[in-house]
């Protein structure tokens, strides 16, 4: 079961990393223009996407998080592995929770980001965070 969870986390987080690489390379997918993409995925009113280096930096961090579950398998007794997994889970959980806060909603008001964040982005982050915790729980049961 933990191998399945590792695979799901790898795919779920890895896909987000790939999308950030695409954006860093100048793609506007899944939108028609850079302006619409910025309104859809950044949400702070900007008309342009962040610079490529920022997209690539996020992609690198996400890629490391996507690969982490494979490193975890069989090593959960190591404090570094346990701490790293809880840290990653905490990052995703914090992002998910923050997306529902009043402060977040007053800063990120651009549509369609605001609606998509409430419906998809924040719940997805919470789900990923729970997935990392489930990975730890599954490994600890062994």
N, C-alpha and C. Protein backbone atom coordinates (compact mmCIF):
# COMPACT_ATOMS: atom_id res chain seq x y z
N UNK A 1 0.82 -1.20 0.00
CA UNK A 1 0.00 0.00 0.00
C UNK A 1 0.86 1.26 0.00
N UNK A 2 1.99 1.24 0.69
CA UNK A 2 2.84 2.43 0.71
C UNK A 2 3.47 2.68 -0.65
N UNK A 3 3.73 1.63 -1.42
CA UNK A 3 4.27 1.82 -2.77
C UNK A 3 3.23 2.51 -3.66
N UNK A 4 1.98 2.16 -3.48
CA UNK A 4 0.91 2.82 -4.23
C UNK A 4 0.82 4.29 -3.84
N UNK A 5 0.91 4.58 -2.56
CA UNK A 5 0.88 5.97 -2.10
C UNK A 5 2.08 6.73 -2.65
N UNK A 6 3.25 6.11 -2.66
CA UNK A 6 4.44 6.75 -3.23
C UNK A 6 4.21 7.06 -4.71
N UNK A 7 3.62 6.14 -5.44
CA UNK A 7 3.34 6.34 -6.86
C UNK A 7 2.35 7.49 -7.06
N UNK A 8 1.29 7.51 -6.28
CA UNK A 8 0.28 8.57 -6.41
C UNK A 8 0.88 9.95 -6.10
N UNK A 9 1.70 10.02 -5.06
CA UNK A 9 2.34 11.29 -4.73
C UNK A 9 3.33 11.70 -5.82
N UNK A 10 4.08 10.73 -6.34
CA UNK A 10 5.02 11.02 -7.42
C UNK A 10 4.30 11.60 -8.63
N UNK A 11 3.19 10.98 -9.01
CA UNK A 11 2.43 11.45 -10.17
C UNK A 11 1.78 12.80 -9.88
N UNK A 12 1.13 12.91 -8.73
CA UNK A 12 0.40 14.13 -8.39
C UNK A 12 1.28 15.35 -8.24
N UNK A 13 2.41 15.20 -7.57
CA UNK A 13 3.32 16.34 -7.37
C UNK A 13 4.21 16.51 -8.60
N UNK A 14 4.60 15.40 -9.21
CA UNK A 14 5.43 15.47 -10.41
C UNK A 14 4.73 16.20 -11.54
N UNK A 15 3.43 15.99 -11.69
CA UNK A 15 2.68 16.69 -12.74
C UNK A 15 2.72 18.20 -12.53
N UNK A 16 2.62 18.62 -11.30
CA UNK A 16 2.69 20.06 -11.01
C UNK A 16 4.08 20.59 -11.34
N UNK A 17 5.12 19.80 -11.06
CA UNK A 17 6.48 20.21 -11.39
C UNK A 17 6.64 20.37 -12.91
N UNK A 18 6.12 19.42 -13.66
CA UNK A 18 6.21 19.49 -15.13
C UNK A 18 5.50 20.73 -15.66
N UNK A 19 4.35 21.04 -15.11
CA UNK A 19 3.61 22.23 -15.54
C UNK A 19 4.42 23.49 -15.28
N UNK A 20 5.10 23.55 -14.12
CA UNK A 20 5.93 24.72 -13.83
C UNK A 20 7.10 24.82 -14.79
N UNK A 21 7.68 23.71 -15.20
CA UNK A 21 8.74 23.73 -16.21
C UNK A 21 8.19 24.28 -17.52
N UNK A 22 7.02 23.81 -17.91
CA UNK A 22 6.39 24.30 -19.14
C UNK A 22 6.20 25.82 -19.08
N UNK A 23 5.72 26.31 -17.95
CA UNK A 23 5.53 27.76 -17.80
C UNK A 23 6.86 28.49 -17.87
N UNK A 24 7.89 27.92 -17.27
CA UNK A 24 9.22 28.53 -17.34
C UNK A 24 9.75 28.60 -18.76
N UNK A 25 9.34 27.64 -19.59
CA UNK A 25 9.75 27.63 -20.99
C UNK A 25 8.87 28.51 -21.87
N UNK A 26 7.87 29.15 -21.27
CA UNK A 26 7.04 30.10 -22.00
C UNK A 26 5.68 29.59 -22.42
N UNK A 27 5.32 28.38 -22.04
CA UNK A 27 4.00 27.86 -22.39
C UNK A 27 2.92 28.62 -21.62
N UNK A 28 1.76 28.77 -22.25
CA UNK A 28 0.62 29.39 -21.58
C UNK A 28 -0.44 28.36 -21.24
N UNK A 29 -0.11 27.10 -21.40
CA UNK A 29 -1.07 26.03 -21.13
C UNK A 29 -1.49 26.08 -19.67
N UNK A 30 -2.71 25.93 -19.34
CA UNK A 30 -3.86 25.55 -20.16
C UNK A 30 -4.68 26.74 -20.67
N UNK A 31 -4.12 27.92 -20.67
CA UNK A 31 -4.85 29.12 -21.08
C UNK A 31 -4.38 29.59 -22.45
N UNK A 32 -5.07 30.59 -23.00
CA UNK A 32 -4.79 31.08 -24.35
C UNK A 32 -3.68 32.13 -24.39
N UNK A 33 -3.43 32.80 -23.27
CA UNK A 33 -2.42 33.87 -23.27
C UNK A 33 -1.75 33.94 -21.91
N UNK A 34 -0.62 34.64 -21.89
CA UNK A 34 0.11 34.80 -20.63
C UNK A 34 -0.72 35.58 -19.61
N UNK A 35 -1.44 36.59 -20.06
CA UNK A 35 -2.26 37.39 -19.14
C UNK A 35 -3.34 36.54 -18.48
N UNK A 36 -4.03 35.73 -19.26
CA UNK A 36 -5.08 34.88 -18.71
C UNK A 36 -4.47 33.83 -17.78
N UNK A 37 -3.31 33.30 -18.17
CA UNK A 37 -2.63 32.31 -17.32
C UNK A 37 -2.25 32.93 -15.98
N UNK A 38 -1.69 34.14 -15.99
CA UNK A 38 -1.31 34.80 -14.74
C UNK A 38 -2.52 35.01 -13.84
N UNK A 39 -3.64 35.43 -14.43
CA UNK A 39 -4.86 35.62 -13.64
C UNK A 39 -5.38 34.29 -13.10
N UNK A 40 -5.12 33.22 -13.82
CA UNK A 40 -5.63 31.90 -13.44
C UNK A 40 -4.80 31.20 -12.37
N UNK A 41 -3.49 31.41 -12.39
CA UNK A 41 -2.63 30.62 -11.50
C UNK A 41 -1.85 31.44 -10.48
N UNK A 42 -1.81 32.76 -10.63
CA UNK A 42 -1.11 33.59 -9.64
C UNK A 42 -2.13 34.31 -8.77
N UNK A 43 -3.05 35.02 -9.39
CA UNK A 43 -4.18 35.57 -8.66
C UNK A 43 -3.99 36.85 -7.91
N UNK A 44 -2.84 37.51 -8.06
CA UNK A 44 -2.63 38.75 -7.31
C UNK A 44 -2.81 39.99 -8.18
N UNK A 45 -3.41 39.81 -9.34
CA UNK A 45 -3.69 40.94 -10.21
C UNK A 45 -2.65 41.18 -11.29
N UNK A 46 -1.57 40.46 -11.27
CA UNK A 46 -0.53 40.69 -12.28
C UNK A 46 -1.02 40.24 -13.66
N UNK A 47 -0.38 40.79 -14.68
CA UNK A 47 -0.74 40.48 -16.06
C UNK A 47 0.31 39.59 -16.73
N UNK A 48 1.41 39.38 -16.06
CA UNK A 48 2.49 38.55 -16.60
C UNK A 48 2.83 37.45 -15.60
N UNK A 49 3.32 36.35 -16.12
CA UNK A 49 3.76 35.26 -15.27
C UNK A 49 5.06 35.64 -14.59
N UNK A 50 5.39 35.00 -13.47
CA UNK A 50 6.69 35.22 -12.85
C UNK A 50 7.80 34.87 -13.85
N UNK A 51 9.01 35.39 -13.63
CA UNK A 51 10.10 35.10 -14.56
C UNK A 51 10.41 33.60 -14.61
N UNK A 52 10.99 33.16 -15.72
CA UNK A 52 11.28 31.72 -15.87
C UNK A 52 12.07 31.12 -14.71
N UNK A 53 13.05 31.85 -14.18
CA UNK A 53 13.86 31.27 -13.11
C UNK A 53 13.00 30.92 -11.90
N UNK A 54 11.96 31.72 -11.63
CA UNK A 54 11.09 31.41 -10.51
C UNK A 54 10.24 30.16 -10.80
N UNK A 55 9.76 30.04 -12.02
CA UNK A 55 9.01 28.83 -12.40
C UNK A 55 9.90 27.61 -12.27
N UNK A 56 11.16 27.73 -12.73
CA UNK A 56 12.09 26.59 -12.65
C UNK A 56 12.45 26.27 -11.20
N UNK A 57 12.58 27.28 -10.35
CA UNK A 57 12.89 27.04 -8.94
C UNK A 57 11.75 26.28 -8.26
N UNK A 58 10.51 26.69 -8.53
CA UNK A 58 9.36 25.98 -7.98
C UNK A 58 9.32 24.55 -8.53
N UNK A 59 9.59 24.41 -9.82
CA UNK A 59 9.58 23.08 -10.45
C UNK A 59 10.63 22.17 -9.81
N UNK A 60 11.80 22.70 -9.51
CA UNK A 60 12.86 21.91 -8.89
C UNK A 60 12.45 21.46 -7.49
N UNK A 61 11.88 22.37 -6.72
CA UNK A 61 11.42 22.01 -5.37
C UNK A 61 10.32 20.95 -5.44
N UNK A 62 9.38 21.13 -6.37
CA UNK A 62 8.30 20.15 -6.52
C UNK A 62 8.83 18.80 -7.00
N UNK A 63 9.82 18.82 -7.90
CA UNK A 63 10.40 17.56 -8.37
C UNK A 63 11.05 16.80 -7.22
N UNK A 64 11.75 17.51 -6.36
CA UNK A 64 12.36 16.86 -5.20
C UNK A 64 11.29 16.27 -4.29
N UNK A 65 10.20 17.00 -4.10
CA UNK A 65 9.10 16.50 -3.27
C UNK A 65 8.40 15.31 -3.93
N UNK A 66 8.35 15.31 -5.25
CA UNK A 66 7.73 14.20 -5.98
C UNK A 66 8.57 12.93 -5.87
N UNK A 67 9.87 13.08 -5.85
CA UNK A 67 10.77 11.92 -5.74
C UNK A 67 10.92 11.43 -4.30
N UNK A 68 10.66 12.29 -3.35
CA UNK A 68 10.85 11.96 -1.93
C UNK A 68 10.18 10.67 -1.49
N UNK A 69 8.92 10.40 -1.89
CA UNK A 69 8.27 9.17 -1.42
C UNK A 69 9.05 7.90 -1.77
N UNK A 70 9.73 7.90 -2.91
CA UNK A 70 10.52 6.71 -3.27
C UNK A 70 11.72 6.56 -2.34
N UNK A 71 12.26 7.69 -1.89
CA UNK A 71 13.37 7.65 -0.94
C UNK A 71 12.89 7.16 0.43
N UNK A 72 11.68 7.51 0.78
CA UNK A 72 11.12 7.18 2.09
C UNK A 72 10.95 5.67 2.27
N UNK A 73 10.52 4.99 1.21
CA UNK A 73 10.21 3.57 1.33
C UNK A 73 11.37 2.78 1.94
N UNK A 74 11.10 2.14 3.07
CA UNK A 74 12.10 1.32 3.74
C UNK A 74 13.07 2.09 4.62
N UNK A 75 12.95 3.41 4.69
CA UNK A 75 13.89 4.21 5.48
C UNK A 75 13.21 5.04 6.57
N UNK A 76 11.96 4.76 6.85
CA UNK A 76 11.19 5.63 7.73
C UNK A 76 11.74 5.70 9.15
N UNK A 77 12.55 4.71 9.54
CA UNK A 77 13.09 4.73 10.90
C UNK A 77 14.18 5.80 11.06
N UNK A 78 14.68 6.34 9.96
CA UNK A 78 15.69 7.39 10.04
C UNK A 78 15.00 8.72 10.37
N UNK A 79 15.50 9.43 11.35
CA UNK A 79 14.89 10.69 11.79
C UNK A 79 14.84 11.71 10.67
N UNK A 80 15.87 11.76 9.84
CA UNK A 80 15.92 12.69 8.72
C UNK A 80 14.76 12.45 7.76
N UNK A 81 14.47 11.19 7.49
CA UNK A 81 13.40 10.83 6.56
C UNK A 81 12.05 11.20 7.15
N UNK A 82 11.85 10.89 8.39
CA UNK A 82 10.60 11.21 9.05
C UNK A 82 10.39 12.73 9.12
N UNK A 83 11.42 13.45 9.51
CA UNK A 83 11.34 14.91 9.60
C UNK A 83 11.10 15.52 8.22
N UNK A 84 11.78 15.02 7.21
CA UNK A 84 11.60 15.53 5.85
C UNK A 84 10.19 15.31 5.34
N UNK A 85 9.64 14.14 5.63
CA UNK A 85 8.29 13.83 5.16
C UNK A 85 7.27 14.71 5.87
N UNK A 86 7.41 14.89 7.16
CA UNK A 86 6.49 15.78 7.88
C UNK A 86 6.64 17.24 7.43
N UNK A 87 7.84 17.64 7.08
CA UNK A 87 8.05 18.99 6.59
C UNK A 87 7.33 19.20 5.26
N UNK A 88 7.48 18.24 4.35
CA UNK A 88 6.79 18.33 3.06
C UNK A 88 5.28 18.33 3.28
N UNK A 89 4.80 17.44 4.12
CA UNK A 89 3.36 17.40 4.41
C UNK A 89 2.91 18.73 4.98
N UNK A 90 3.70 19.30 5.87
CA UNK A 90 3.36 20.58 6.48
C UNK A 90 3.30 21.72 5.47
N UNK A 91 4.21 21.71 4.51
CA UNK A 91 4.21 22.75 3.47
C UNK A 91 2.91 22.69 2.68
N UNK A 92 2.54 21.49 2.25
CA UNK A 92 1.30 21.36 1.48
C UNK A 92 0.08 21.66 2.33
N UNK A 93 0.07 21.21 3.56
CA UNK A 93 -1.07 21.48 4.44
C UNK A 93 -1.20 22.99 4.71
N UNK A 94 -0.07 23.64 4.96
CA UNK A 94 -0.10 25.09 5.22
C UNK A 94 -0.62 25.84 4.00
N UNK A 95 -0.16 25.45 2.81
CA UNK A 95 -0.66 26.11 1.58
C UNK A 95 -2.16 25.87 1.42
N UNK A 96 -2.59 24.66 1.68
CA UNK A 96 -4.00 24.35 1.56
C UNK A 96 -4.86 25.13 2.54
N UNK A 97 -4.44 25.19 3.77
CA UNK A 97 -5.19 25.92 4.80
C UNK A 97 -5.16 27.42 4.53
N UNK A 98 -3.99 27.94 4.15
CA UNK A 98 -3.85 29.37 3.87
C UNK A 98 -4.82 29.81 2.78
N UNK A 99 -5.03 28.97 1.80
CA UNK A 99 -5.91 29.31 0.69
C UNK A 99 -7.35 29.56 1.09
N UNK A 100 -7.73 29.10 2.28
CA UNK A 100 -9.09 29.33 2.76
C UNK A 100 -9.17 30.48 3.76
N UNK A 101 -8.04 31.10 4.07
CA UNK A 101 -8.03 32.15 5.09
C UNK A 101 -8.52 33.48 4.52
N UNK A 102 -9.01 34.33 5.38
CA UNK A 102 -9.49 35.65 4.98
C UNK A 102 -8.35 36.50 4.44
N UNK A 103 -7.20 36.41 5.04
CA UNK A 103 -6.05 37.20 4.58
C UNK A 103 -5.67 36.82 3.15
N UNK A 104 -5.65 35.52 2.88
CA UNK A 104 -5.33 35.03 1.53
C UNK A 104 -6.36 35.57 0.54
N UNK A 105 -7.64 35.46 0.90
CA UNK A 105 -8.71 35.88 -0.01
C UNK A 105 -8.68 37.37 -0.29
N UNK A 106 -8.18 38.19 0.64
CA UNK A 106 -8.10 39.63 0.37
C UNK A 106 -6.90 39.96 -0.50
N UNK A 107 -5.87 39.13 -0.49
CA UNK A 107 -4.67 39.39 -1.32
C UNK A 107 -4.81 38.80 -2.72
N UNK A 108 -5.36 37.61 -2.83
CA UNK A 108 -5.47 36.92 -4.12
C UNK A 108 -6.92 36.97 -4.59
N UNK A 109 -7.28 38.09 -5.20
CA UNK A 109 -8.68 38.33 -5.56
C UNK A 109 -8.97 38.14 -7.04
N UNK A 110 -7.95 38.05 -7.88
CA UNK A 110 -8.17 37.97 -9.33
C UNK A 110 -8.91 36.68 -9.67
N UNK A 111 -9.84 36.83 -10.57
CA UNK A 111 -10.56 35.66 -11.10
C UNK A 111 -9.92 35.26 -12.42
N UNK A 112 -9.84 34.01 -12.73
CA UNK A 112 -10.51 32.90 -12.08
C UNK A 112 -9.72 32.26 -10.94
N UNK A 113 -8.55 32.84 -10.59
CA UNK A 113 -7.74 32.22 -9.54
C UNK A 113 -8.51 32.04 -8.24
N UNK A 114 -9.20 33.08 -7.79
CA UNK A 114 -9.87 33.02 -6.49
C UNK A 114 -10.84 31.84 -6.41
N UNK A 115 -11.62 31.66 -7.44
CA UNK A 115 -12.57 30.54 -7.46
C UNK A 115 -11.86 29.21 -7.59
N UNK A 116 -10.88 29.14 -8.49
CA UNK A 116 -10.14 27.88 -8.68
C UNK A 116 -9.37 27.51 -7.42
N UNK A 117 -8.83 28.50 -6.74
CA UNK A 117 -8.11 28.21 -5.50
C UNK A 117 -9.03 27.56 -4.47
N UNK A 118 -10.21 28.12 -4.33
CA UNK A 118 -11.17 27.60 -3.35
C UNK A 118 -11.66 26.20 -3.73
N UNK A 119 -11.89 25.99 -5.01
CA UNK A 119 -12.44 24.72 -5.47
C UNK A 119 -11.41 23.62 -5.71
N UNK A 120 -10.22 24.02 -6.20
CA UNK A 120 -9.26 23.01 -6.65
C UNK A 120 -7.89 23.09 -5.99
N UNK A 121 -7.24 24.27 -6.07
CA UNK A 121 -5.84 24.37 -5.67
C UNK A 121 -5.64 24.07 -4.18
N UNK A 122 -6.39 24.75 -3.31
CA UNK A 122 -6.22 24.51 -1.88
C UNK A 122 -6.64 23.10 -1.46
N UNK A 123 -7.79 22.59 -1.92
CA UNK A 123 -8.13 21.21 -1.57
C UNK A 123 -7.09 20.20 -2.07
N UNK A 124 -6.52 20.45 -3.25
CA UNK A 124 -5.49 19.55 -3.79
C UNK A 124 -4.25 19.57 -2.90
N UNK A 125 -3.86 20.75 -2.45
CA UNK A 125 -2.71 20.85 -1.54
C UNK A 125 -2.98 20.09 -0.24
N UNK A 126 -4.19 20.23 0.30
CA UNK A 126 -4.54 19.49 1.52
C UNK A 126 -4.48 17.99 1.27
N UNK A 127 -4.99 17.55 0.14
CA UNK A 127 -4.96 16.13 -0.20
C UNK A 127 -3.53 15.60 -0.30
N UNK A 128 -2.66 16.37 -0.94
CA UNK A 128 -1.26 15.96 -1.05
C UNK A 128 -0.62 15.89 0.33
N UNK A 129 -0.88 16.90 1.18
CA UNK A 129 -0.34 16.87 2.54
C UNK A 129 -0.79 15.65 3.30
N UNK A 130 -2.06 15.32 3.20
CA UNK A 130 -2.58 14.10 3.85
C UNK A 130 -1.91 12.87 3.25
N UNK A 131 -1.64 12.89 1.95
CA UNK A 131 -0.96 11.77 1.31
C UNK A 131 0.42 11.51 1.89
N UNK A 132 1.18 12.57 2.14
CA UNK A 132 2.51 12.39 2.75
C UNK A 132 2.39 11.85 4.18
N UNK A 133 1.39 12.30 4.91
CA UNK A 133 1.18 11.77 6.26
C UNK A 133 0.78 10.30 6.18
N UNK A 134 -0.07 9.95 5.21
CA UNK A 134 -0.47 8.55 5.04
C UNK A 134 0.73 7.69 4.65
N UNK A 135 1.64 8.25 3.87
CA UNK A 135 2.85 7.52 3.50
C UNK A 135 3.66 7.18 4.75
N UNK A 136 3.83 8.15 5.63
CA UNK A 136 4.54 7.92 6.89
C UNK A 136 3.82 6.89 7.72
N UNK A 137 2.51 7.01 7.84
CA UNK A 137 1.73 6.07 8.66
C UNK A 137 1.85 4.66 8.11
N UNK A 138 1.81 4.52 6.79
CA UNK A 138 1.94 3.20 6.17
C UNK A 138 3.31 2.59 6.40
N UNK A 139 4.33 3.42 6.35
CA UNK A 139 5.70 2.94 6.57
C UNK A 139 5.92 2.58 8.04
N UNK A 140 5.32 3.35 8.94
CA UNK A 140 5.48 3.07 10.37
C UNK A 140 4.77 1.77 10.78
N UNK A 141 3.73 1.38 10.06
CA UNK A 141 3.00 0.15 10.36
C UNK A 141 3.77 -1.10 10.01
N UNK A 142 4.81 -0.95 9.23
CA UNK A 142 5.58 -2.13 8.79
C UNK A 142 6.39 -2.73 9.92
